[in-house]
Amino acid sequence: MADDEEVERVLDALDAVERIADPEARSRAQVQITAATRERAARWTAERAELANQMKAEGESVRGIAKRLGVKPSTVQDLLRGYKGSGKDRPRVEQEEA
């Protein structure tokens, strides 16, 4: 698939950064990549959330969405709930009183 080839090209480029001999130049490159990745990650998460919500509205199950998107069902649940934090900080679901 062409998509897989693009992913491989990105991973190859990241490997190339790790092979930069000069530690200072390598560090500068890593900082640039980390900053760009952080910005893109937020946009990509929003895009995945929109897609997950669309799939759910079309009747797809959480497990089905997870399989199609290549993520865990818990990630899909977070996307559907609009949760953006880390797992350790995930708010607990309030249990109803009996």
N, C-alpha and C. Protein backbone atom coordinates (compact mmCIF):
# COMPACT_ATOMS: atom_id res chain seq x y z
N MET A 1 0.83 -1.20 0.00
CA MET A 1 0.00 0.00 0.00
C MET A 1 0.86 1.25 0.00
N ALA A 2 0.40 2.26 -0.65
CA ALA A 2 1.12 3.52 -0.68
C ALA A 2 1.19 4.15 0.71
N ASP A 3 0.13 3.98 1.51
CA ASP A 3 0.12 4.55 2.86
C ASP A 3 1.23 3.95 3.70
N ASP A 4 1.42 2.63 3.61
CA ASP A 4 2.48 1.96 4.36
C ASP A 4 3.85 2.46 3.93
N GLU A 5 4.01 2.73 2.66
CA GLU A 5 5.28 3.25 2.16
C GLU A 5 5.57 4.63 2.74
N GLU A 6 4.56 5.46 2.84
CA GLU A 6 4.75 6.79 3.42
C GLU A 6 5.15 6.70 4.88
N VAL A 7 4.52 5.80 5.61
CA VAL A 7 4.86 5.62 7.02
C VAL A 7 6.31 5.15 7.13
N GLU A 8 6.71 4.22 6.30
CA GLU A 8 8.09 3.74 6.30
C GLU A 8 9.08 4.86 6.01
N ARG A 9 8.73 5.75 5.09
CA ARG A 9 9.61 6.88 4.77
C ARG A 9 9.79 7.78 5.99
N VAL A 10 8.73 8.03 6.72
CA VAL A 10 8.82 8.86 7.92
C VAL A 10 9.69 8.17 8.96
N LEU A 11 9.46 6.88 9.18
CA LEU A 11 10.25 6.14 10.16
C LEU A 11 11.72 6.09 9.77
N ASP A 12 12.00 5.95 8.48
CA ASP A 12 13.39 5.97 7.99
C ASP A 12 14.03 7.32 8.27
N ALA A 13 13.26 8.40 8.08
CA ALA A 13 13.78 9.74 8.35
C ALA A 13 14.09 9.91 9.84
N LEU A 14 13.24 9.37 10.70
CA LEU A 14 13.51 9.44 12.14
C LEU A 14 14.75 8.66 12.50
N ASP A 15 14.92 7.49 11.88
CA ASP A 15 16.14 6.70 12.10
C ASP A 15 17.37 7.49 11.67
N ALA A 16 17.26 8.22 10.57
CA ALA A 16 18.38 9.02 10.08
C ALA A 16 18.76 10.11 11.09
N VAL A 17 17.77 10.71 11.73
CA VAL A 17 18.06 11.72 12.74
C VAL A 17 18.83 11.10 13.89
N GLU A 18 18.45 9.90 14.29
CA GLU A 18 19.15 9.22 15.39
C GLU A 18 20.59 8.87 15.02
N ARG A 19 20.90 8.84 13.74
CA ARG A 19 22.26 8.53 13.30
C ARG A 19 23.12 9.78 13.10
N ILE A 20 22.59 10.96 13.34
CA ILE A 20 23.40 12.18 13.22
C ILE A 20 24.54 12.07 14.22
N ALA A 21 25.76 12.18 13.72
CA ALA A 21 26.95 11.95 14.55
C ALA A 21 27.16 13.03 15.61
N ASP A 22 26.97 14.27 15.24
CA ASP A 22 27.20 15.38 16.17
C ASP A 22 26.06 15.43 17.19
N PRO A 23 26.35 15.22 18.47
CA PRO A 23 25.28 15.19 19.48
C PRO A 23 24.47 16.49 19.56
N GLU A 24 25.12 17.62 19.35
CA GLU A 24 24.39 18.89 19.42
C GLU A 24 23.46 19.04 18.22
N ALA A 25 23.93 18.68 17.05
CA ALA A 25 23.08 18.75 15.85
C ALA A 25 21.93 17.76 15.97
N ARG A 26 22.21 16.57 16.52
CA ARG A 26 21.16 15.56 16.72
C ARG A 26 20.12 16.09 17.69
N SER A 27 20.57 16.72 18.76
CA SER A 27 19.65 17.26 19.76
C SER A 27 18.77 18.36 19.16
N ARG A 28 19.37 19.26 18.36
CA ARG A 28 18.58 20.32 17.73
C ARG A 28 17.52 19.73 16.80
N ALA A 29 17.89 18.70 16.04
CA ALA A 29 16.94 18.05 15.14
C ALA A 29 15.82 17.39 15.94
N GLN A 30 16.17 16.75 17.04
CA GLN A 30 15.17 16.09 17.88
C GLN A 30 14.20 17.11 18.47
N VAL A 31 14.71 18.27 18.87
CA VAL A 31 13.84 19.32 19.42
C VAL A 31 12.85 19.79 18.36
N GLN A 32 13.33 20.00 17.15
CA GLN A 32 12.43 20.44 16.07
C GLN A 32 11.36 19.39 15.80
N ILE A 33 11.76 18.14 15.75
CA ILE A 33 10.80 17.07 15.47
C ILE A 33 9.80 16.93 16.60
N THR A 34 10.27 17.00 17.84
CA THR A 34 9.38 16.88 18.98
C THR A 34 8.33 18.00 18.99
N ALA A 35 8.75 19.23 18.70
CA ALA A 35 7.81 20.35 18.68
C ALA A 35 6.77 20.16 17.58
N ALA A 36 7.23 19.77 16.40
CA ALA A 36 6.30 19.57 15.28
C ALA A 36 5.35 18.42 15.57
N THR A 37 5.86 17.38 16.21
CA THR A 37 5.03 16.21 16.52
C THR A 37 3.95 16.57 17.54
N ARG A 38 4.31 17.36 18.53
CA ARG A 38 3.35 17.77 19.56
C ARG A 38 2.20 18.55 18.92
N GLU A 39 2.51 19.46 18.03
CA GLU A 39 1.47 20.25 17.36
C GLU A 39 0.59 19.35 16.49
N ARG A 40 1.20 18.46 15.74
CA ARG A 40 0.44 17.59 14.86
C ARG A 40 -0.39 16.58 15.64
N ALA A 41 0.12 16.11 16.76
CA ALA A 41 -0.59 15.11 17.55
C ALA A 41 -1.97 15.61 17.96
N ALA A 42 -2.05 16.86 18.36
CA ALA A 42 -3.35 17.43 18.76
C ALA A 42 -4.31 17.45 17.57
N ARG A 43 -3.82 17.85 16.40
CA ARG A 43 -4.68 17.87 15.21
C ARG A 43 -5.08 16.46 14.81
N TRP A 44 -4.13 15.53 14.89
CA TRP A 44 -4.42 14.15 14.49
C TRP A 44 -5.42 13.50 15.44
N THR A 45 -5.31 13.81 16.73
CA THR A 45 -6.26 13.27 17.71
C THR A 45 -7.66 13.79 17.42
N ALA A 46 -7.76 15.08 17.12
CA ALA A 46 -9.07 15.66 16.79
C ALA A 46 -9.64 15.01 15.54
N GLU A 47 -8.79 14.75 14.57
CA GLU A 47 -9.24 14.09 13.33
C GLU A 47 -9.72 12.67 13.61
N ARG A 48 -8.96 11.94 14.45
CA ARG A 48 -9.38 10.57 14.82
C ARG A 48 -10.68 10.58 15.59
N ALA A 49 -10.84 11.56 16.48
CA ALA A 49 -12.07 11.67 17.28
C ALA A 49 -13.26 11.92 16.37
N GLU A 50 -13.10 12.80 15.41
CA GLU A 50 -14.18 13.09 14.47
C GLU A 50 -14.55 11.83 13.68
N LEU A 51 -13.54 11.10 13.23
CA LEU A 51 -13.79 9.87 12.49
C LEU A 51 -14.46 8.82 13.37
N ALA A 52 -13.98 8.67 14.61
CA ALA A 52 -14.58 7.70 15.53
C ALA A 52 -16.05 8.04 15.80
N ASN A 53 -16.34 9.32 16.00
CA ASN A 53 -17.73 9.73 16.23
C ASN A 53 -18.60 9.46 15.01
N GLN A 54 -18.06 9.69 13.83
CA GLN A 54 -18.80 9.41 12.60
C GLN A 54 -19.08 7.91 12.48
N MET A 55 -18.07 7.09 12.75
CA MET A 55 -18.26 5.63 12.69
C MET A 55 -19.28 5.16 13.71
N LYS A 56 -19.22 5.73 14.92
CA LYS A 56 -20.18 5.36 15.97
C LYS A 56 -21.59 5.75 15.55
N ALA A 57 -21.75 6.92 14.95
CA ALA A 57 -23.06 7.38 14.49
C ALA A 57 -23.60 6.47 13.38
N GLU A 58 -22.69 5.86 12.64
CA GLU A 58 -23.09 4.94 11.57
C GLU A 58 -23.34 3.52 12.10
N GLY A 59 -23.24 3.34 13.43
CA GLY A 59 -23.58 2.06 14.04
C GLY A 59 -22.41 1.14 14.33
N GLU A 60 -21.19 1.60 14.11
CA GLU A 60 -20.02 0.75 14.37
C GLU A 60 -19.80 0.62 15.87
N SER A 61 -19.40 -0.55 16.32
CA SER A 61 -19.11 -0.77 17.74
C SER A 61 -17.75 -0.17 18.10
N VAL A 62 -17.52 0.01 19.40
CA VAL A 62 -16.24 0.53 19.86
C VAL A 62 -15.11 -0.41 19.42
N ARG A 63 -15.31 -1.70 19.57
CA ARG A 63 -14.28 -2.67 19.15
C ARG A 63 -14.06 -2.61 17.64
N GLY A 64 -15.13 -2.44 16.89
CA GLY A 64 -15.02 -2.34 15.44
C GLY A 64 -14.25 -1.10 15.02
N ILE A 65 -14.53 0.02 15.70
CA ILE A 65 -13.82 1.26 15.41
C ILE A 65 -12.34 1.08 15.74
N ALA A 66 -12.07 0.47 16.89
CA ALA A 66 -10.68 0.26 17.32
C ALA A 66 -9.92 -0.56 16.29
N LYS A 67 -10.54 -1.60 15.81
CA LYS A 67 -9.88 -2.46 14.83
C LYS A 67 -9.60 -1.69 13.53
N ARG A 68 -10.58 -0.93 13.08
CA ARG A 68 -10.43 -0.18 11.83
C ARG A 68 -9.37 0.92 11.95
N LEU A 69 -9.27 1.55 13.11
CA LEU A 69 -8.32 2.64 13.30
C LEU A 69 -6.96 2.17 13.80
N GLY A 70 -6.88 0.91 14.21
CA GLY A 70 -5.60 0.37 14.69
C GLY A 70 -5.22 0.86 16.08
N VAL A 71 -6.24 1.06 16.94
CA VAL A 71 -6.00 1.50 18.31
C VAL A 71 -6.74 0.57 19.27
N LYS A 72 -6.53 0.77 20.56
CA LYS A 72 -7.22 -0.02 21.57
C LYS A 72 -8.65 0.49 21.76
N PRO A 73 -9.56 -0.39 22.17
CA PRO A 73 -10.94 0.06 22.45
C PRO A 73 -10.99 1.19 23.49
N SER A 74 -10.10 1.16 24.47
CA SER A 74 -10.09 2.23 25.48
C SER A 74 -9.73 3.57 24.84
N THR A 75 -8.89 3.54 23.82
CA THR A 75 -8.54 4.78 23.11
C THR A 75 -9.76 5.31 22.38
N VAL A 76 -10.53 4.41 21.77
CA VAL A 76 -11.75 4.82 21.08
C VAL A 76 -12.73 5.43 22.08
N GLN A 77 -12.87 4.81 23.24
CA GLN A 77 -13.76 5.36 24.27
C GLN A 77 -13.33 6.76 24.66
N ASP A 78 -12.03 6.96 24.83
CA ASP A 78 -11.52 8.30 25.16
C ASP A 78 -11.83 9.29 24.04
N LEU A 79 -11.64 8.86 22.79
CA LEU A 79 -11.93 9.73 21.65
C LEU A 79 -13.40 10.12 21.63
N LEU A 80 -14.28 9.16 21.87
CA LEU A 80 -15.71 9.42 21.85
C LEU A 80 -16.14 10.33 23.00
N ARG A 81 -15.44 10.25 24.12
CA ARG A 81 -15.76 11.09 25.29
C ARG A 81 -15.10 12.46 25.22
N GLY A 82 -14.17 12.61 24.26
CA GLY A 82 -13.45 13.88 24.16
C GLY A 82 -12.34 14.02 25.18
N TYR A 83 -11.92 12.90 25.78
CA TYR A 83 -10.87 12.93 26.79
C TYR A 83 -9.51 13.05 26.12
N LYS A 84 -8.66 13.95 26.61
CA LYS A 84 -7.38 14.21 25.97
C LYS A 84 -6.19 13.99 26.89
N GLY A 85 -6.40 13.64 28.15
CA GLY A 85 -5.29 13.51 29.11
C GLY A 85 -4.62 12.16 29.06
N SER A 86 -3.68 11.97 29.96
CA SER A 86 -2.98 10.69 30.03
C SER A 86 -3.83 9.70 30.82
N GLY A 87 -3.54 8.43 30.66
CA GLY A 87 -4.31 7.38 31.33
C GLY A 87 -4.30 7.49 32.83
N LYS A 88 -3.15 7.89 33.41
CA LYS A 88 -3.07 7.97 34.87
C LYS A 88 -3.93 9.10 35.43
N ASP A 89 -4.24 10.08 34.59
CA ASP A 89 -5.04 11.21 35.04
C ASP A 89 -6.50 11.14 34.57
N ARG A 90 -6.88 10.01 33.98
CA ARG A 90 -8.23 9.86 33.45
C ARG A 90 -9.24 10.00 34.58
N PRO A 91 -10.25 10.85 34.40
CA PRO A 91 -11.25 11.01 35.46
C PRO A 91 -12.04 9.71 35.65
N ARG A 92 -12.32 9.41 36.89
CA ARG A 92 -13.09 8.20 37.18
C ARG A 92 -14.55 8.43 36.83
N VAL A 93 -15.18 7.36 36.33
CA VAL A 93 -16.60 7.43 36.03
C VAL A 93 -17.34 7.36 37.35
N GLU A 94 -18.22 8.31 37.57
CA GLU A 94 -19.00 8.33 38.80
C GLU A 94 -19.99 7.18 38.80
N GLN A 95 -20.00 6.43 39.90
CA GLN A 95 -20.94 5.32 40.01
C GLN A 95 -22.25 5.85 40.57
N GLU A 96 -23.34 5.36 39.98
CA GLU A 96 -24.65 5.78 40.45
C GLU A 96 -24.94 5.19 41.81
N GLU A 97 -25.60 5.97 42.65
CA GLU A 97 -25.97 5.47 43.98
C GLU A 97 -27.17 4.56 43.83
N ALA A 98 -27.18 3.50 44.62
CA ALA A 98 -28.28 2.52 44.55
C ALA A 98 -29.51 2.98 45.25
